[in-house]
Amino acid sequence: MRIGQLFFISLLVMSTIVFNFALAQSTAFPVPEGGAKQLFFLQRTPNTNTIICELNYKDGVVDKEDPIHVFWIRYQEDGQKEDLNYIQRKFAYGVKSKEIGINKYELNFVSYKKYKMYLMQAADKQFHVYTTINNKQAILTRIYIEIKGGSFWLPNVEYVEITGVDPATRSQVKERIKI
């Protein structure tokens, strides 16, 4: 066998190994169908279960005391909906809100108070969650958290990817933040 053939076969084998490793590392996350009340969703490793944040109504209007309802879609358990448990609600994925104007609320996750989001009613009378993506205001659609190891109480967050829509152009915007 010639050296050129050996090199080609080695390159082919290495490419296959690298491709298969990369394929094994990437998890295909389902995209929630999103009902009329869905504002955005959050996904994270190590599984495809998804957290949905939707508008919370009381007596036909947005609940001023609790405008966001947060729950799971357990894709790994037949896709059923499930409310957050106490620990998840109080220490991880719960959303705190503060009314700051008429139909305007400041929001943050209980686990990361620095990251601000704003629930506001747009000109079309629809509510959206706005946040800053690439130094511009955008409508939030998805948060993805890449976790590599750590523990239950202190996961090692490698990065957070924020995805949204530019309200002026309707184009998708995305920012990856290293943590």
N, C-alpha and C. Protein backbone atom coordinates (compact mmCIF):
# COMPACT_ATOMS: atom_id res chain seq x y z
N MET A 1 0.85 -1.18 0.00
CA MET A 1 0.00 0.00 0.00
C MET A 1 0.90 1.24 0.00
N ARG A 2 0.53 2.19 -0.79
CA ARG A 2 1.33 3.41 -0.89
C ARG A 2 1.03 4.35 0.27
N ILE A 3 1.95 5.26 0.51
CA ILE A 3 1.81 6.23 1.61
C ILE A 3 0.59 7.12 1.36
N GLY A 4 0.33 7.52 0.12
CA GLY A 4 -0.82 8.34 -0.22
C GLY A 4 -2.13 7.65 0.12
N GLN A 5 -2.21 6.35 -0.18
CA GLN A 5 -3.43 5.59 0.13
C GLN A 5 -3.60 5.46 1.64
N LEU A 6 -2.51 5.20 2.35
CA LEU A 6 -2.55 5.09 3.81
C LEU A 6 -3.02 6.41 4.43
N PHE A 7 -2.49 7.52 3.93
CA PHE A 7 -2.89 8.83 4.44
C PHE A 7 -4.38 9.06 4.20
N PHE A 8 -4.85 8.75 3.00
CA PHE A 8 -6.26 8.93 2.67
C PHE A 8 -7.16 8.09 3.58
N ILE A 9 -6.80 6.82 3.79
CA ILE A 9 -7.60 5.93 4.65
C ILE A 9 -7.58 6.45 6.08
N SER A 10 -6.41 6.88 6.57
CA SER A 10 -6.31 7.43 7.93
C SER A 10 -7.16 8.67 8.07
N LEU A 11 -7.12 9.55 7.07
CA LEU A 11 -7.92 10.76 7.10
C LEU A 11 -9.41 10.44 7.11
N LEU A 12 -9.81 9.46 6.31
CA LEU A 12 -11.21 9.04 6.26
C LEU A 12 -11.66 8.48 7.61
N VAL A 13 -10.85 7.63 8.22
CA VAL A 13 -11.19 7.05 9.52
C VAL A 13 -11.28 8.13 10.59
N MET A 14 -10.31 9.05 10.62
CA MET A 14 -10.33 10.13 11.62
C MET A 14 -11.54 11.04 11.42
N SER A 15 -11.86 11.35 10.17
CA SER A 15 -13.03 12.19 9.89
C SER A 15 -14.31 11.53 10.38
N THR A 16 -14.42 10.23 10.16
CA THR A 16 -15.60 9.49 10.61
C THR A 16 -15.70 9.50 12.13
N ILE A 17 -14.58 9.31 12.81
CA ILE A 17 -14.57 9.33 14.28
C ILE A 17 -14.98 10.70 14.80
N VAL A 18 -14.39 11.76 14.24
CA VAL A 18 -14.71 13.12 14.68
C VAL A 18 -16.17 13.43 14.41
N PHE A 19 -16.69 13.09 13.23
CA PHE A 19 -18.09 13.34 12.89
C PHE A 19 -19.02 12.60 13.85
N ASN A 20 -18.75 11.33 14.11
CA ASN A 20 -19.60 10.56 15.01
C ASN A 20 -19.56 11.10 16.42
N PHE A 21 -18.38 11.57 16.88
CA PHE A 21 -18.27 12.16 18.21
C PHE A 21 -19.10 13.44 18.27
N ALA A 22 -18.97 14.28 17.25
CA ALA A 22 -19.73 15.54 17.21
C ALA A 22 -21.22 15.27 17.17
N LEU A 23 -21.62 14.27 16.40
CA LEU A 23 -23.03 13.91 16.30
C LEU A 23 -23.56 13.43 17.65
N ALA A 24 -22.76 12.67 18.36
CA ALA A 24 -23.17 12.16 19.67
C ALA A 24 -23.28 13.30 20.69
N GLN A 25 -22.46 14.35 20.53
CA GLN A 25 -22.48 15.46 21.47
C GLN A 25 -23.67 16.38 21.28
N SER A 26 -24.19 16.48 20.07
CA SER A 26 -25.29 17.40 19.81
C SER A 26 -26.62 16.68 20.05
N THR A 27 -27.43 17.30 20.86
CA THR A 27 -28.75 16.76 21.14
C THR A 27 -29.76 17.56 20.34
N ALA A 28 -30.63 16.86 19.67
CA ALA A 28 -31.68 17.55 18.91
C ALA A 28 -32.77 17.96 19.89
N PHE A 29 -32.93 19.25 20.07
CA PHE A 29 -33.94 19.75 20.98
C PHE A 29 -35.24 20.01 20.23
N PRO A 30 -36.34 19.53 20.76
CA PRO A 30 -37.63 19.80 20.13
C PRO A 30 -37.99 21.28 20.27
N VAL A 31 -38.75 21.78 19.34
CA VAL A 31 -39.23 23.15 19.41
C VAL A 31 -40.68 23.10 19.86
N PRO A 32 -40.99 23.68 21.02
CA PRO A 32 -42.38 23.65 21.49
C PRO A 32 -43.31 24.33 20.49
N GLU A 33 -44.50 23.76 20.34
CA GLU A 33 -45.47 24.30 19.39
C GLU A 33 -45.88 25.72 19.74
N GLY A 34 -45.97 26.00 21.00
CA GLY A 34 -46.26 27.36 21.44
C GLY A 34 -47.70 27.75 21.27
N GLY A 35 -48.40 27.77 22.36
CA GLY A 35 -49.78 28.22 22.33
C GLY A 35 -49.84 29.74 22.26
N ALA A 36 -51.03 30.27 22.27
CA ALA A 36 -51.22 31.72 22.15
C ALA A 36 -50.60 32.47 23.33
N LYS A 37 -50.47 31.82 24.48
CA LYS A 37 -49.93 32.48 25.66
C LYS A 37 -48.42 32.34 25.81
N GLN A 38 -47.78 31.47 24.99
CA GLN A 38 -46.34 31.24 25.15
C GLN A 38 -45.56 32.49 24.80
N LEU A 39 -44.63 32.86 25.69
CA LEU A 39 -43.76 34.01 25.47
C LEU A 39 -42.38 33.59 24.98
N PHE A 40 -41.75 32.66 25.69
CA PHE A 40 -40.45 32.12 25.30
C PHE A 40 -40.25 30.80 26.00
N PHE A 41 -39.18 30.09 25.62
CA PHE A 41 -38.87 28.83 26.28
C PHE A 41 -37.38 28.74 26.57
N LEU A 42 -37.05 27.86 27.50
CA LEU A 42 -35.68 27.66 27.95
C LEU A 42 -35.34 26.18 27.83
N GLN A 43 -34.19 25.90 27.24
CA GLN A 43 -33.70 24.52 27.12
C GLN A 43 -32.28 24.49 27.62
N ARG A 44 -31.88 23.32 28.14
CA ARG A 44 -30.53 23.19 28.65
C ARG A 44 -30.12 21.74 28.63
N THR A 45 -28.81 21.56 28.58
CA THR A 45 -28.31 20.20 28.75
C THR A 45 -28.55 19.89 30.22
N PRO A 46 -28.75 18.73 30.62
CA PRO A 46 -28.40 17.46 30.01
C PRO A 46 -29.54 16.71 29.32
N ASN A 47 -30.74 17.31 29.20
CA ASN A 47 -31.82 16.59 28.51
C ASN A 47 -32.70 17.55 27.73
N THR A 48 -33.67 17.01 27.03
CA THR A 48 -34.51 17.83 26.15
C THR A 48 -35.76 18.39 26.82
N ASN A 49 -35.97 18.08 28.10
CA ASN A 49 -37.11 18.67 28.79
C ASN A 49 -37.00 20.19 28.69
N THR A 50 -38.12 20.85 28.48
CA THR A 50 -38.13 22.27 28.15
C THR A 50 -38.98 23.05 29.13
N ILE A 51 -38.50 24.22 29.49
CA ILE A 51 -39.23 25.12 30.37
C ILE A 51 -39.95 26.15 29.51
N ILE A 52 -41.24 26.27 29.73
CA ILE A 52 -42.08 27.21 28.98
C ILE A 52 -42.45 28.37 29.90
N CYS A 53 -42.33 29.58 29.38
CA CYS A 53 -42.78 30.76 30.10
C CYS A 53 -43.93 31.35 29.28
N GLU A 54 -45.10 31.38 29.88
CA GLU A 54 -46.27 31.88 29.17
C GLU A 54 -46.97 32.94 29.99
N LEU A 55 -47.80 33.71 29.31
CA LEU A 55 -48.59 34.76 29.92
C LEU A 55 -49.60 34.13 30.88
N ASN A 56 -49.73 34.71 32.05
CA ASN A 56 -50.64 34.20 33.06
C ASN A 56 -51.81 35.17 33.23
N TYR A 57 -53.00 34.69 32.94
CA TYR A 57 -54.20 35.51 33.03
C TYR A 57 -54.98 35.20 34.31
N LYS A 58 -55.66 36.22 34.80
CA LYS A 58 -56.58 36.07 35.92
C LYS A 58 -57.81 36.91 35.59
N ASP A 59 -58.94 36.26 35.53
CA ASP A 59 -60.20 36.92 35.19
C ASP A 59 -60.12 37.65 33.83
N GLY A 60 -59.45 37.04 32.86
CA GLY A 60 -59.39 37.57 31.50
C GLY A 60 -58.35 38.64 31.24
N VAL A 61 -57.61 39.05 32.27
CA VAL A 61 -56.54 40.05 32.09
C VAL A 61 -55.24 39.48 32.68
N VAL A 62 -54.12 40.08 32.28
CA VAL A 62 -52.83 39.63 32.80
C VAL A 62 -52.82 39.79 34.32
N ASP A 63 -52.42 38.74 35.00
CA ASP A 63 -52.34 38.74 36.47
C ASP A 63 -51.20 39.65 36.91
N LYS A 64 -51.51 40.77 37.50
CA LYS A 64 -50.50 41.75 37.90
C LYS A 64 -49.56 41.21 38.98
N GLU A 65 -50.04 40.30 39.80
CA GLU A 65 -49.22 39.73 40.88
C GLU A 65 -48.28 38.64 40.37
N ASP A 66 -48.69 37.95 39.32
CA ASP A 66 -47.92 36.82 38.80
C ASP A 66 -48.15 36.72 37.28
N PRO A 67 -47.54 37.62 36.49
CA PRO A 67 -47.85 37.68 35.06
C PRO A 67 -47.27 36.55 34.22
N ILE A 68 -46.32 35.80 34.76
CA ILE A 68 -45.67 34.72 34.00
C ILE A 68 -45.91 33.38 34.68
N HIS A 69 -46.41 32.42 33.91
CA HIS A 69 -46.56 31.05 34.40
C HIS A 69 -45.42 30.23 33.80
N VAL A 70 -44.66 29.56 34.66
CA VAL A 70 -43.50 28.78 34.22
C VAL A 70 -43.76 27.31 34.50
N PHE A 71 -43.56 26.47 33.49
CA PHE A 71 -43.78 25.03 33.66
C PHE A 71 -42.89 24.24 32.71
N TRP A 72 -42.81 22.95 32.94
CA TRP A 72 -42.04 22.03 32.09
C TRP A 72 -42.91 21.41 31.01
N ILE A 73 -42.29 21.12 29.88
CA ILE A 73 -42.79 20.09 28.98
C ILE A 73 -41.76 18.98 29.09
N ARG A 74 -42.17 17.87 29.64
CA ARG A 74 -41.26 16.74 29.89
C ARG A 74 -41.21 15.85 28.64
N TYR A 75 -40.43 16.28 27.65
CA TYR A 75 -40.32 15.52 26.41
C TYR A 75 -39.80 14.11 26.64
N GLN A 76 -38.97 13.92 27.64
CA GLN A 76 -38.40 12.60 27.91
C GLN A 76 -39.37 11.72 28.70
N GLU A 77 -40.52 12.27 29.03
CA GLU A 77 -41.55 11.52 29.75
C GLU A 77 -42.88 11.69 29.01
N ASP A 78 -42.91 11.38 27.74
CA ASP A 78 -44.10 11.43 26.89
C ASP A 78 -44.65 12.83 26.65
N GLY A 79 -43.86 13.87 26.92
CA GLY A 79 -44.25 15.22 26.57
C GLY A 79 -45.32 15.86 27.44
N GLN A 80 -45.53 15.33 28.65
CA GLN A 80 -46.57 15.92 29.49
C GLN A 80 -46.10 17.22 30.12
N LYS A 81 -47.05 18.07 30.47
CA LYS A 81 -46.77 19.33 31.16
C LYS A 81 -46.69 19.05 32.66
N GLU A 82 -45.79 19.80 33.31
CA GLU A 82 -45.62 19.63 34.76
C GLU A 82 -45.15 20.95 35.35
N ASP A 83 -45.77 21.38 36.43
CA ASP A 83 -45.34 22.61 37.09
C ASP A 83 -43.96 22.41 37.70
N LEU A 84 -43.24 23.53 37.88
CA LEU A 84 -41.95 23.47 38.55
C LEU A 84 -42.17 23.03 40.00
N ASN A 85 -41.22 22.28 40.54
CA ASN A 85 -41.33 21.95 41.96
C ASN A 85 -40.80 23.14 42.78
N TYR A 86 -40.89 23.04 44.09
CA TYR A 86 -40.53 24.15 44.97
C TYR A 86 -39.08 24.60 44.76
N ILE A 87 -38.16 23.68 44.72
CA ILE A 87 -36.73 24.01 44.56
C ILE A 87 -36.50 24.67 43.21
N GLN A 88 -37.08 24.14 42.14
CA GLN A 88 -36.91 24.72 40.80
C GLN A 88 -37.51 26.13 40.75
N ARG A 89 -38.66 26.32 41.37
CA ARG A 89 -39.35 27.61 41.35
C ARG A 89 -38.61 28.66 42.18
N LYS A 90 -38.04 28.26 43.33
CA LYS A 90 -37.43 29.22 44.24
C LYS A 90 -35.93 29.45 44.02
N PHE A 91 -35.24 28.48 43.39
CA PHE A 91 -33.79 28.58 43.27
C PHE A 91 -33.25 28.51 41.85
N ALA A 92 -34.06 28.18 40.86
CA ALA A 92 -33.51 27.98 39.53
C ALA A 92 -34.30 28.70 38.44
N TYR A 93 -35.49 28.19 38.11
CA TYR A 93 -36.20 28.63 36.92
C TYR A 93 -37.41 29.52 37.19
N GLY A 94 -37.69 29.79 38.44
CA GLY A 94 -38.80 30.69 38.74
C GLY A 94 -38.51 32.08 38.21
N VAL A 95 -39.57 32.83 37.90
CA VAL A 95 -39.43 34.18 37.36
C VAL A 95 -40.05 35.16 38.35
N LYS A 96 -39.26 36.14 38.76
CA LYS A 96 -39.75 37.23 39.62
C LYS A 96 -40.21 38.37 38.72
N SER A 97 -41.26 39.04 39.14
CA SER A 97 -41.77 40.16 38.35
C SER A 97 -42.05 41.36 39.24
N LYS A 98 -41.94 42.53 38.63
CA LYS A 98 -42.24 43.78 39.31
C LYS A 98 -42.94 44.69 38.31
N GLU A 99 -44.14 45.14 38.66
CA GLU A 99 -44.87 46.04 37.77
C GLU A 99 -44.16 47.39 37.77
N ILE A 100 -43.83 47.90 36.57
CA ILE A 100 -43.13 49.18 36.47
C ILE A 100 -43.90 50.20 35.63
N GLY A 101 -45.08 49.82 35.20
CA GLY A 101 -45.93 50.71 34.42
C GLY A 101 -47.19 49.98 34.01
N ILE A 102 -48.04 50.65 33.27
CA ILE A 102 -49.26 50.02 32.79
C ILE A 102 -48.88 48.98 31.74
N ASN A 103 -49.26 47.72 32.01
CA ASN A 103 -48.92 46.60 31.13
C ASN A 103 -47.43 46.47 30.85
N LYS A 104 -46.62 46.80 31.88
CA LYS A 104 -45.16 46.70 31.75
C LYS A 104 -44.58 46.15 33.05
N TYR A 105 -43.77 45.09 32.92
CA TYR A 105 -43.20 44.40 34.08
C TYR A 105 -41.72 44.14 33.86
N GLU A 106 -40.94 44.33 34.92
CA GLU A 106 -39.54 43.93 34.88
C GLU A 106 -39.48 42.49 35.38
N LEU A 107 -38.74 41.63 34.67
CA LEU A 107 -38.65 40.20 34.99
C LEU A 107 -37.20 39.79 35.17
N ASN A 108 -36.99 38.78 36.00
CA ASN A 108 -35.69 38.12 36.08
C ASN A 108 -35.87 36.71 36.64
N PHE A 109 -34.96 35.83 36.25
CA PHE A 109 -34.97 34.49 36.83
C PHE A 109 -34.45 34.58 38.26
N VAL A 110 -35.00 33.76 39.15
CA VAL A 110 -34.57 33.78 40.55
C VAL A 110 -33.10 33.40 40.68
N SER A 111 -32.59 32.62 39.74
CA SER A 111 -31.21 32.15 39.81
C SER A 111 -30.20 33.15 39.23
N TYR A 112 -30.67 34.16 38.51
CA TYR A 112 -29.75 35.11 37.90
C TYR A 112 -30.43 36.47 37.81
N LYS A 113 -30.35 37.21 38.90
CA LYS A 113 -31.07 38.48 39.02
C LYS A 113 -30.53 39.58 38.12
N LYS A 114 -29.29 39.45 37.67
CA LYS A 114 -28.67 40.49 36.83
C LYS A 114 -29.29 40.57 35.44
N TYR A 115 -29.80 39.45 34.93
CA TYR A 115 -30.32 39.43 33.57
C TYR A 115 -31.78 39.90 33.57
N LYS A 116 -32.00 41.09 33.04
CA LYS A 116 -33.34 41.70 33.06
C LYS A 116 -34.08 41.44 31.76
N MET A 117 -35.37 41.20 31.92
CA MET A 117 -36.28 41.03 30.80
C MET A 117 -37.49 41.90 31.11
N TYR A 118 -38.24 42.26 30.07
CA TYR A 118 -39.38 43.15 30.27
C TYR A 118 -40.59 42.60 29.52
N LEU A 119 -41.66 42.37 30.27
CA LEU A 119 -42.93 41.97 29.68
C LEU A 119 -43.69 43.25 29.37
N MET A 120 -44.01 43.44 28.08
CA MET A 120 -44.70 44.67 27.67
C MET A 120 -45.72 44.35 26.59
N GLN A 121 -46.74 45.18 26.56
CA GLN A 121 -47.75 45.06 25.51
C GLN A 121 -47.29 45.91 24.32
N ALA A 122 -47.23 45.30 23.16
CA ALA A 122 -46.78 45.98 21.94
C ALA A 122 -47.92 46.77 21.31
N ALA A 123 -47.62 47.49 20.25
CA ALA A 123 -48.62 48.29 19.55
C ALA A 123 -49.76 47.43 19.01
N ASP A 124 -49.46 46.16 18.70
CA ASP A 124 -50.50 45.25 18.19
C ASP A 124 -51.34 44.64 19.31
N LYS A 125 -51.16 45.14 20.54
CA LYS A 125 -51.89 44.70 21.74
C LYS A 125 -51.46 43.31 22.23
N GLN A 126 -50.44 42.72 21.61
CA GLN A 126 -49.91 41.42 22.06
C GLN A 126 -48.79 41.67 23.07
N PHE A 127 -48.69 40.78 24.06
CA PHE A 127 -47.61 40.87 25.02
C PHE A 127 -46.40 40.09 24.52
N HIS A 128 -45.22 40.64 24.77
CA HIS A 128 -43.96 40.00 24.43
C HIS A 128 -42.99 40.24 25.57
N VAL A 129 -41.97 39.37 25.67
CA VAL A 129 -40.88 39.61 26.60
C VAL A 129 -39.73 40.17 25.78
N TYR A 130 -39.26 41.35 26.19
CA TYR A 130 -38.16 42.03 25.52
C TYR A 130 -36.91 41.90 26.37
N THR A 131 -35.78 41.81 25.70
CA THR A 131 -34.50 41.77 26.38
C THR A 131 -33.45 42.35 25.45
N THR A 132 -32.23 42.47 25.93
CA THR A 132 -31.14 42.98 25.11
C THR A 132 -30.39 41.81 24.50
N ILE A 133 -30.28 41.83 23.17
CA ILE A 133 -29.50 40.83 22.43
C ILE A 133 -28.59 41.62 21.50
N ASN A 134 -27.30 41.40 21.62
CA ASN A 134 -26.30 42.14 20.83
C ASN A 134 -26.49 43.65 20.95
N ASN A 135 -26.72 44.10 22.17
CA ASN A 135 -26.86 45.52 22.51
C ASN A 135 -28.07 46.20 21.87
N LYS A 136 -29.08 45.41 21.48
CA LYS A 136 -30.31 45.97 20.93
C LYS A 136 -31.51 45.29 21.58
N GLN A 137 -32.60 46.02 21.69
CA GLN A 137 -33.82 45.44 22.24
C GLN A 137 -34.41 44.45 21.23
N ALA A 138 -34.79 43.27 21.74
CA ALA A 138 -35.37 42.23 20.88
C ALA A 138 -36.46 41.50 21.66
N ILE A 139 -37.33 40.84 20.92
CA ILE A 139 -38.36 40.01 21.52
C ILE A 139 -37.73 38.64 21.79
N LEU A 140 -37.71 38.24 23.04
CA LEU A 140 -37.09 36.98 23.45
C LEU A 140 -37.94 35.80 22.98
N THR A 141 -37.30 34.78 22.38
CA THR A 141 -38.01 33.57 21.97
C THR A 141 -37.44 32.32 22.62
N ARG A 142 -36.11 32.29 22.86
CA ARG A 142 -35.49 31.07 23.39
C ARG A 142 -34.23 31.42 24.18
N ILE A 143 -34.03 30.66 25.25
CA ILE A 143 -32.77 30.69 26.01
C ILE A 143 -32.26 29.26 26.03
N TYR A 144 -30.99 29.09 25.68
CA TYR A 144 -30.36 27.77 25.74
C TYR A 144 -29.16 27.86 26.67
N ILE A 145 -29.07 26.91 27.60
CA ILE A 145 -27.98 26.89 28.57
C ILE A 145 -27.16 25.62 28.36
N GLU A 146 -25.87 25.80 28.06
CA GLU A 146 -24.96 24.67 27.89
C GLU A 146 -24.27 24.41 29.22
N ILE A 147 -24.51 23.23 29.77
CA ILE A 147 -23.95 22.85 31.07
C ILE A 147 -22.95 21.73 30.85
N LYS A 148 -21.76 21.89 31.43
CA LYS A 148 -20.72 20.84 31.34
C LYS A 148 -20.28 20.50 32.76
N GLY A 149 -20.91 19.49 33.32
CA GLY A 149 -20.51 19.04 34.66
C GLY A 149 -21.03 19.94 35.76
N GLY A 150 -20.32 19.91 36.87
CA GLY A 150 -20.74 20.64 38.06
C GLY A 150 -21.64 19.76 38.90
N SER A 151 -22.46 20.38 39.72
CA SER A 151 -23.34 19.63 40.60
C SER A 151 -24.76 20.17 40.47
N PHE A 152 -25.68 19.54 41.18
CA PHE A 152 -27.08 19.97 41.16
C PHE A 152 -27.19 21.44 41.57
N TRP A 153 -26.55 21.83 42.67
CA TRP A 153 -26.65 23.18 43.19
C TRP A 153 -25.73 24.16 42.49
N LEU A 154 -24.63 23.67 41.92
CA LEU A 154 -23.68 24.55 41.22
C LEU A 154 -23.28 23.94 39.89
N PRO A 155 -24.17 24.00 38.91
CA PRO A 155 -23.80 23.46 37.59
C PRO A 155 -22.73 24.34 36.94
N ASN A 156 -21.89 23.72 36.14
CA ASN A 156 -20.85 24.46 35.41
C ASN A 156 -21.45 24.93 34.09
N VAL A 157 -21.93 26.16 34.07
CA VAL A 157 -22.55 26.73 32.87
C VAL A 157 -21.44 27.23 31.96
N GLU A 158 -21.33 26.63 30.78
CA GLU A 158 -20.30 27.01 29.82
C GLU A 158 -20.70 28.28 29.07
N TYR A 159 -21.96 28.33 28.61
CA TYR A 159 -22.46 29.52 27.94
C TYR A 159 -23.98 29.51 27.95
N VAL A 160 -24.53 30.69 27.68
CA VAL A 160 -25.98 30.87 27.52
C VAL A 160 -26.18 31.49 26.14
N GLU A 161 -27.11 30.94 25.39
CA GLU A 161 -27.41 31.48 24.06
C GLU A 161 -28.82 32.06 24.10
N ILE A 162 -28.91 33.34 23.79
CA ILE A 162 -30.19 34.06 23.82
C ILE A 162 -30.62 34.27 22.37
N THR A 163 -31.86 33.87 22.05
CA THR A 163 -32.39 34.01 20.70
C THR A 163 -33.67 34.84 20.76
N GLY A 164 -33.83 35.69 19.77
CA GLY A 164 -35.03 36.51 19.72
C GLY A 164 -35.30 37.01 18.33
N VAL A 165 -36.20 37.98 18.26
CA VAL A 165 -36.61 38.58 16.99
C VAL A 165 -36.45 40.09 17.11
N ASP A 166 -35.81 40.68 16.11
CA ASP A 166 -35.70 42.13 16.05
C ASP A 166 -37.10 42.67 15.76
N PRO A 167 -37.66 43.52 16.64
CA PRO A 167 -39.04 43.98 16.42
C PRO A 167 -39.21 44.85 15.17
N ALA A 168 -38.16 45.50 14.72
CA ALA A 168 -38.27 46.37 13.54
C ALA A 168 -38.18 45.58 12.24
N THR A 169 -37.23 44.62 12.17
CA THR A 169 -37.00 43.91 10.91
C THR A 169 -37.64 42.52 10.87
N ARG A 170 -38.06 42.03 12.03
CA ARG A 170 -38.61 40.67 12.21
C ARG A 170 -37.58 39.58 11.90
N SER A 171 -36.30 39.93 11.86
CA SER A 171 -35.26 38.93 11.62
C SER A 171 -34.78 38.34 12.95
N GLN A 172 -34.28 37.11 12.87
CA GLN A 172 -33.81 36.43 14.07
C GLN A 172 -32.47 37.03 14.50
N VAL A 173 -32.33 37.20 15.82
CA VAL A 173 -31.06 37.68 16.40
C VAL A 173 -30.65 36.67 17.46
N LYS A 174 -29.33 36.54 17.65
CA LYS A 174 -28.83 35.54 18.58
C LYS A 174 -27.52 36.05 19.18
N GLU A 175 -27.34 35.76 20.48
CA GLU A 175 -26.10 36.12 21.15
C GLU A 175 -25.71 35.00 22.09
N ARG A 176 -24.43 34.64 22.05
CA ARG A 176 -23.89 33.62 22.95
C ARG A 176 -23.05 34.33 24.00
N ILE A 177 -23.38 34.07 25.26
CA ILE A 177 -22.70 34.72 26.37
C ILE A 177 -21.93 33.66 27.14
N LYS A 178 -20.62 33.83 27.22
CA LYS A 178 -19.77 32.91 28.01
C LYS A 178 -19.96 33.24 29.48
N ILE A 179 -20.13 32.22 30.27
CA ILE A 179 -20.34 32.42 31.70
C ILE A 179 -19.08 31.99 32.46
